[in-house]
Amino acid sequence: MRRRKKSGPRRPSRKEHQLCAQVREVVNLTLAEASIENLASAWCPEVRPAPSSQRLMVVVEVGPGDDPDEVRALLQRLSGHFRAEVAAAIHRRNTPELFFQVVLPGQPT
């Protein structure tokens, strides 16, 4: 008997969860080391596959006084630096692409 495919979004595998946790840790360390004023209060509460582990959605929460659009533009400019930091920290043949979603405190992701 064949298994029937489930409809709806695919659940991330254990390895994808592990990769997302590693990337979240690296992004938080990189944000903490950044000497850029707009990133001073930013932190990463979540990283999730988008739609697979080759592309990751990095959720960055900013302080209430920060402009999310400015922070998003800054993160996009620095995405190469973040990706290089991730590549140095994880052991994979291909480093995933990083996409940023900037949210305010308490805002759903």
N, C-alpha and C. Protein backbone atom coordinates (compact mmCIF):
# COMPACT_ATOMS: atom_id res chain seq x y z
N MET A 1 0.83 -1.17 0.00
CA MET A 1 0.00 0.00 0.00
C MET A 1 0.89 1.24 0.00
N ARG A 2 0.59 2.18 -0.85
CA ARG A 2 1.38 3.41 -0.97
C ARG A 2 0.89 4.43 0.04
N ARG A 3 1.84 5.20 0.51
CA ARG A 3 1.49 6.28 1.42
C ARG A 3 0.90 7.44 0.65
N ARG A 4 -0.07 8.02 1.20
CA ARG A 4 -0.70 9.17 0.59
C ARG A 4 0.04 10.44 1.02
N LYS A 5 0.34 11.30 0.07
CA LYS A 5 1.00 12.57 0.41
C LYS A 5 0.06 13.46 1.19
N LYS A 6 0.62 14.06 2.22
CA LYS A 6 -0.17 14.98 3.01
C LYS A 6 -0.23 16.33 2.32
N SER A 7 -1.37 16.95 2.41
CA SER A 7 -1.47 18.30 1.86
C SER A 7 -1.05 19.29 2.93
N GLY A 8 -0.68 20.46 2.53
CA GLY A 8 -0.26 21.48 3.48
C GLY A 8 1.25 21.63 3.48
N PRO A 9 1.75 22.52 4.33
CA PRO A 9 3.19 22.80 4.34
C PRO A 9 3.99 21.60 4.88
N ARG A 10 5.18 21.47 4.36
CA ARG A 10 6.09 20.39 4.72
C ARG A 10 6.73 20.71 6.06
N ARG A 11 6.86 19.71 6.92
CA ARG A 11 7.52 19.90 8.21
C ARG A 11 9.03 19.83 8.03
N PRO A 12 9.77 20.75 8.63
CA PRO A 12 11.23 20.70 8.54
C PRO A 12 11.77 19.45 9.22
N SER A 13 12.82 18.87 8.64
CA SER A 13 13.44 17.68 9.20
C SER A 13 14.31 18.04 10.41
N ARG A 14 14.79 17.02 11.08
CA ARG A 14 15.67 17.23 12.23
C ARG A 14 16.93 17.96 11.82
N LYS A 15 17.49 17.61 10.67
CA LYS A 15 18.70 18.27 10.18
C LYS A 15 18.44 19.73 9.84
N GLU A 16 17.27 20.02 9.28
CA GLU A 16 16.93 21.42 8.99
C GLU A 16 16.78 22.22 10.28
N HIS A 17 16.18 21.61 11.30
CA HIS A 17 16.08 22.29 12.60
C HIS A 17 17.48 22.57 13.16
N GLN A 18 18.36 21.60 13.04
CA GLN A 18 19.72 21.74 13.54
C GLN A 18 20.45 22.87 12.80
N LEU A 19 20.33 22.91 11.48
CA LEU A 19 20.96 23.96 10.69
C LEU A 19 20.40 25.33 11.07
N CYS A 20 19.09 25.44 11.21
CA CYS A 20 18.47 26.72 11.57
C CYS A 20 18.96 27.20 12.94
N ALA A 21 19.13 26.29 13.88
CA ALA A 21 19.63 26.67 15.21
C ALA A 21 21.07 27.17 15.11
N GLN A 22 21.89 26.51 14.29
CA GLN A 22 23.28 26.95 14.11
C GLN A 22 23.33 28.33 13.47
N VAL A 23 22.52 28.55 12.46
CA VAL A 23 22.50 29.84 11.76
C VAL A 23 21.99 30.93 12.70
N ARG A 24 20.96 30.64 13.50
CA ARG A 24 20.45 31.62 14.46
C ARG A 24 21.55 32.04 15.44
N GLU A 25 22.33 31.08 15.91
CA GLU A 25 23.42 31.38 16.85
C GLU A 25 24.47 32.28 16.19
N VAL A 26 24.85 31.95 14.95
CA VAL A 26 25.87 32.75 14.23
C VAL A 26 25.35 34.15 13.96
N VAL A 27 24.10 34.28 13.54
CA VAL A 27 23.53 35.60 13.25
C VAL A 27 23.48 36.44 14.53
N ASN A 28 23.09 35.84 15.64
CA ASN A 28 23.05 36.59 16.90
C ASN A 28 24.45 37.04 17.32
N LEU A 29 25.45 36.19 17.16
CA LEU A 29 26.82 36.58 17.48
C LEU A 29 27.29 37.71 16.57
N THR A 30 26.97 37.62 15.29
CA THR A 30 27.38 38.65 14.33
C THR A 30 26.68 39.97 14.62
N LEU A 31 25.40 39.92 14.98
CA LEU A 31 24.68 41.14 15.34
C LEU A 31 25.27 41.77 16.60
N ALA A 32 25.65 40.93 17.57
CA ALA A 32 26.22 41.44 18.81
C ALA A 32 27.58 42.10 18.57
N GLU A 33 28.33 41.60 17.61
CA GLU A 33 29.65 42.16 17.32
C GLU A 33 29.59 43.38 16.42
N ALA A 34 28.45 43.60 15.78
CA ALA A 34 28.32 44.73 14.85
C ALA A 34 28.39 46.05 15.62
N SER A 35 29.14 46.97 15.07
CA SER A 35 29.26 48.28 15.71
C SER A 35 28.41 49.33 14.97
N ILE A 36 27.33 48.86 14.39
CA ILE A 36 26.43 49.74 13.64
C ILE A 36 25.25 50.09 14.55
N GLU A 37 24.96 51.37 14.66
CA GLU A 37 23.95 51.86 15.60
C GLU A 37 22.58 51.21 15.38
N ASN A 38 22.15 51.08 14.13
CA ASN A 38 20.82 50.53 13.83
C ASN A 38 20.68 49.06 14.23
N LEU A 39 21.80 48.36 14.39
CA LEU A 39 21.75 46.96 14.74
C LEU A 39 22.01 46.71 16.23
N ALA A 40 22.14 47.77 17.00
CA ALA A 40 22.50 47.64 18.42
C ALA A 40 21.46 46.85 19.20
N SER A 41 20.18 47.05 18.92
CA SER A 41 19.13 46.36 19.68
C SER A 41 18.55 45.17 18.91
N ALA A 42 19.10 44.85 17.75
CA ALA A 42 18.56 43.77 16.93
C ALA A 42 19.02 42.41 17.45
N TRP A 43 18.15 41.43 17.33
CA TRP A 43 18.50 40.05 17.66
C TRP A 43 17.65 39.11 16.82
N CYS A 44 18.07 37.88 16.72
CA CYS A 44 17.41 36.89 15.86
C CYS A 44 16.69 35.85 16.72
N PRO A 45 15.37 35.91 16.81
CA PRO A 45 14.64 34.91 17.58
C PRO A 45 14.36 33.62 16.82
N GLU A 46 14.43 33.68 15.46
CA GLU A 46 14.02 32.51 14.68
C GLU A 46 14.69 32.50 13.31
N VAL A 47 15.03 31.30 12.86
CA VAL A 47 15.47 31.04 11.49
C VAL A 47 14.67 29.83 11.02
N ARG A 48 14.12 29.90 9.82
CA ARG A 48 13.34 28.78 9.32
C ARG A 48 13.63 28.55 7.83
N PRO A 49 13.47 27.31 7.36
CA PRO A 49 13.66 27.02 5.94
C PRO A 49 12.63 27.77 5.10
N ALA A 50 13.08 28.25 3.92
CA ALA A 50 12.17 29.01 3.06
C ALA A 50 12.40 28.68 1.60
N PRO A 51 11.92 27.69 1.02
CA PRO A 51 11.12 26.56 1.50
C PRO A 51 11.96 25.37 1.95
N SER A 52 13.26 25.38 1.66
CA SER A 52 14.13 24.29 2.08
C SER A 52 15.36 24.86 2.77
N SER A 53 16.29 23.99 3.13
CA SER A 53 17.48 24.45 3.84
C SER A 53 18.48 25.15 2.92
N GLN A 54 18.21 25.21 1.63
CA GLN A 54 19.08 25.96 0.71
C GLN A 54 18.82 27.46 0.82
N ARG A 55 17.65 27.82 1.28
CA ARG A 55 17.27 29.23 1.49
C ARG A 55 16.68 29.34 2.89
N LEU A 56 17.20 30.25 3.68
CA LEU A 56 16.72 30.38 5.05
C LEU A 56 16.16 31.78 5.29
N MET A 57 15.01 31.83 5.96
CA MET A 57 14.41 33.09 6.37
C MET A 57 14.90 33.40 7.77
N VAL A 58 15.62 34.51 7.90
CA VAL A 58 16.17 34.94 9.17
C VAL A 58 15.27 36.05 9.71
N VAL A 59 14.61 35.78 10.83
CA VAL A 59 13.73 36.78 11.45
C VAL A 59 14.58 37.59 12.41
N VAL A 60 14.59 38.90 12.23
CA VAL A 60 15.36 39.80 13.09
C VAL A 60 14.38 40.75 13.77
N GLU A 61 14.45 40.77 15.10
CA GLU A 61 13.60 41.67 15.87
C GLU A 61 14.40 42.90 16.25
N VAL A 62 13.82 44.07 16.03
CA VAL A 62 14.51 45.33 16.33
C VAL A 62 13.80 46.04 17.49
N GLY A 63 14.46 47.02 18.05
CA GLY A 63 13.89 47.80 19.14
C GLY A 63 12.75 48.67 18.67
N PRO A 64 11.90 49.14 19.59
CA PRO A 64 10.74 49.94 19.22
C PRO A 64 11.10 51.27 18.55
N GLY A 65 12.29 51.80 18.78
CA GLY A 65 12.67 53.08 18.18
C GLY A 65 13.33 52.94 16.82
N ASP A 66 13.59 51.71 16.38
CA ASP A 66 14.28 51.49 15.09
C ASP A 66 13.28 51.39 13.95
N ASP A 67 13.69 51.88 12.78
CA ASP A 67 12.87 51.80 11.59
C ASP A 67 13.11 50.44 10.91
N PRO A 68 12.10 49.58 10.84
CA PRO A 68 12.29 48.26 10.25
C PRO A 68 12.78 48.29 8.80
N ASP A 69 12.32 49.28 8.02
CA ASP A 69 12.74 49.36 6.62
C ASP A 69 14.23 49.68 6.50
N GLU A 70 14.72 50.58 7.36
CA GLU A 70 16.15 50.91 7.34
C GLU A 70 16.99 49.70 7.75
N VAL A 71 16.54 49.00 8.78
CA VAL A 71 17.27 47.82 9.25
C VAL A 71 17.27 46.73 8.18
N ARG A 72 16.13 46.53 7.51
CA ARG A 72 16.04 45.52 6.45
C ARG A 72 17.01 45.86 5.31
N ALA A 73 17.07 47.12 4.92
CA ALA A 73 17.99 47.53 3.85
C ALA A 73 19.44 47.32 4.28
N LEU A 74 19.75 47.64 5.53
CA LEU A 74 21.10 47.45 6.05
C LEU A 74 21.47 45.97 6.09
N LEU A 75 20.55 45.13 6.52
CA LEU A 75 20.80 43.69 6.55
C LEU A 75 21.01 43.12 5.15
N GLN A 76 20.25 43.62 4.19
CA GLN A 76 20.43 43.17 2.81
C GLN A 76 21.82 43.55 2.29
N ARG A 77 22.28 44.75 2.64
CA ARG A 77 23.63 45.16 2.22
C ARG A 77 24.70 44.31 2.89
N LEU A 78 24.44 43.89 4.11
CA LEU A 78 25.41 43.09 4.87
C LEU A 78 25.20 41.59 4.72
N SER A 79 24.29 41.17 3.86
CA SER A 79 23.96 39.74 3.76
C SER A 79 25.17 38.89 3.36
N GLY A 80 26.07 39.43 2.55
CA GLY A 80 27.27 38.70 2.18
C GLY A 80 28.16 38.43 3.39
N HIS A 81 28.26 39.42 4.27
CA HIS A 81 29.04 39.25 5.50
C HIS A 81 28.41 38.19 6.40
N PHE A 82 27.09 38.24 6.56
CA PHE A 82 26.40 37.24 7.37
C PHE A 82 26.58 35.84 6.78
N ARG A 83 26.47 35.75 5.47
CA ARG A 83 26.61 34.44 4.82
C ARG A 83 28.03 33.90 4.98
N ALA A 84 29.04 34.77 4.91
CA ALA A 84 30.42 34.34 5.12
C ALA A 84 30.63 33.85 6.55
N GLU A 85 30.02 34.53 7.52
CA GLU A 85 30.12 34.10 8.91
C GLU A 85 29.46 32.74 9.10
N VAL A 86 28.31 32.54 8.45
CA VAL A 86 27.61 31.26 8.53
C VAL A 86 28.46 30.17 7.89
N ALA A 87 29.05 30.46 6.74
CA ALA A 87 29.89 29.47 6.05
C ALA A 87 31.07 29.04 6.89
N ALA A 88 31.65 29.97 7.65
CA ALA A 88 32.79 29.64 8.49
C ALA A 88 32.38 28.80 9.70
N ALA A 89 31.13 28.91 10.12
CA ALA A 89 30.69 28.23 11.33
C ALA A 89 30.06 26.86 11.09
N ILE A 90 29.45 26.66 9.93
CA ILE A 90 28.79 25.38 9.67
C ILE A 90 29.62 24.57 8.69
N HIS A 91 29.38 23.28 8.68
CA HIS A 91 30.13 22.40 7.80
C HIS A 91 29.17 21.78 6.78
N ARG A 92 29.00 22.52 5.70
CA ARG A 92 28.14 22.06 4.60
C ARG A 92 28.82 22.39 3.28
N ARG A 93 28.50 21.62 2.28
CA ARG A 93 29.08 21.86 0.97
C ARG A 93 28.63 23.20 0.42
N ASN A 94 27.36 23.51 0.58
CA ASN A 94 26.80 24.77 0.08
C ASN A 94 26.24 25.57 1.24
N THR A 95 26.62 26.82 1.28
CA THR A 95 26.10 27.71 2.31
C THR A 95 24.72 28.20 1.87
N PRO A 96 23.72 28.14 2.75
CA PRO A 96 22.38 28.57 2.35
C PRO A 96 22.31 30.08 2.10
N GLU A 97 21.39 30.46 1.23
CA GLU A 97 21.10 31.88 1.02
C GLU A 97 20.31 32.38 2.21
N LEU A 98 20.56 33.61 2.61
CA LEU A 98 19.87 34.18 3.76
C LEU A 98 18.95 35.31 3.31
N PHE A 99 17.71 35.27 3.77
CA PHE A 99 16.74 36.31 3.52
C PHE A 99 16.26 36.82 4.87
N PHE A 100 16.07 38.12 4.98
CA PHE A 100 15.78 38.72 6.26
C PHE A 100 14.36 39.24 6.33
N GLN A 101 13.72 38.97 7.46
CA GLN A 101 12.41 39.54 7.78
C GLN A 101 12.60 40.31 9.07
N VAL A 102 12.30 41.60 9.06
CA VAL A 102 12.48 42.45 10.23
C VAL A 102 11.13 42.69 10.87
N VAL A 103 11.07 42.42 12.19
CA VAL A 103 9.82 42.60 12.92
C VAL A 103 10.06 43.46 14.16
N LEU A 104 9.00 44.07 14.64
CA LEU A 104 9.04 44.85 15.88
C LEU A 104 8.72 43.91 17.05
N PRO A 105 9.08 44.27 18.27
CA PRO A 105 8.78 43.41 19.42
C PRO A 105 7.30 43.10 19.52
N GLY A 106 6.99 41.83 19.74
CA GLY A 106 5.61 41.41 19.88
C GLY A 106 4.86 41.21 18.58
N GLN A 107 5.49 41.55 17.46
CA GLN A 107 4.84 41.38 16.15
C GLN A 107 4.97 39.92 15.72
N PRO A 108 3.91 39.30 15.24
CA PRO A 108 4.01 37.90 14.79
C PRO A 108 4.89 37.78 13.55
N THR A 109 5.55 36.64 13.42
CA THR A 109 6.46 36.42 12.28
C THR A 109 5.78 35.71 11.15
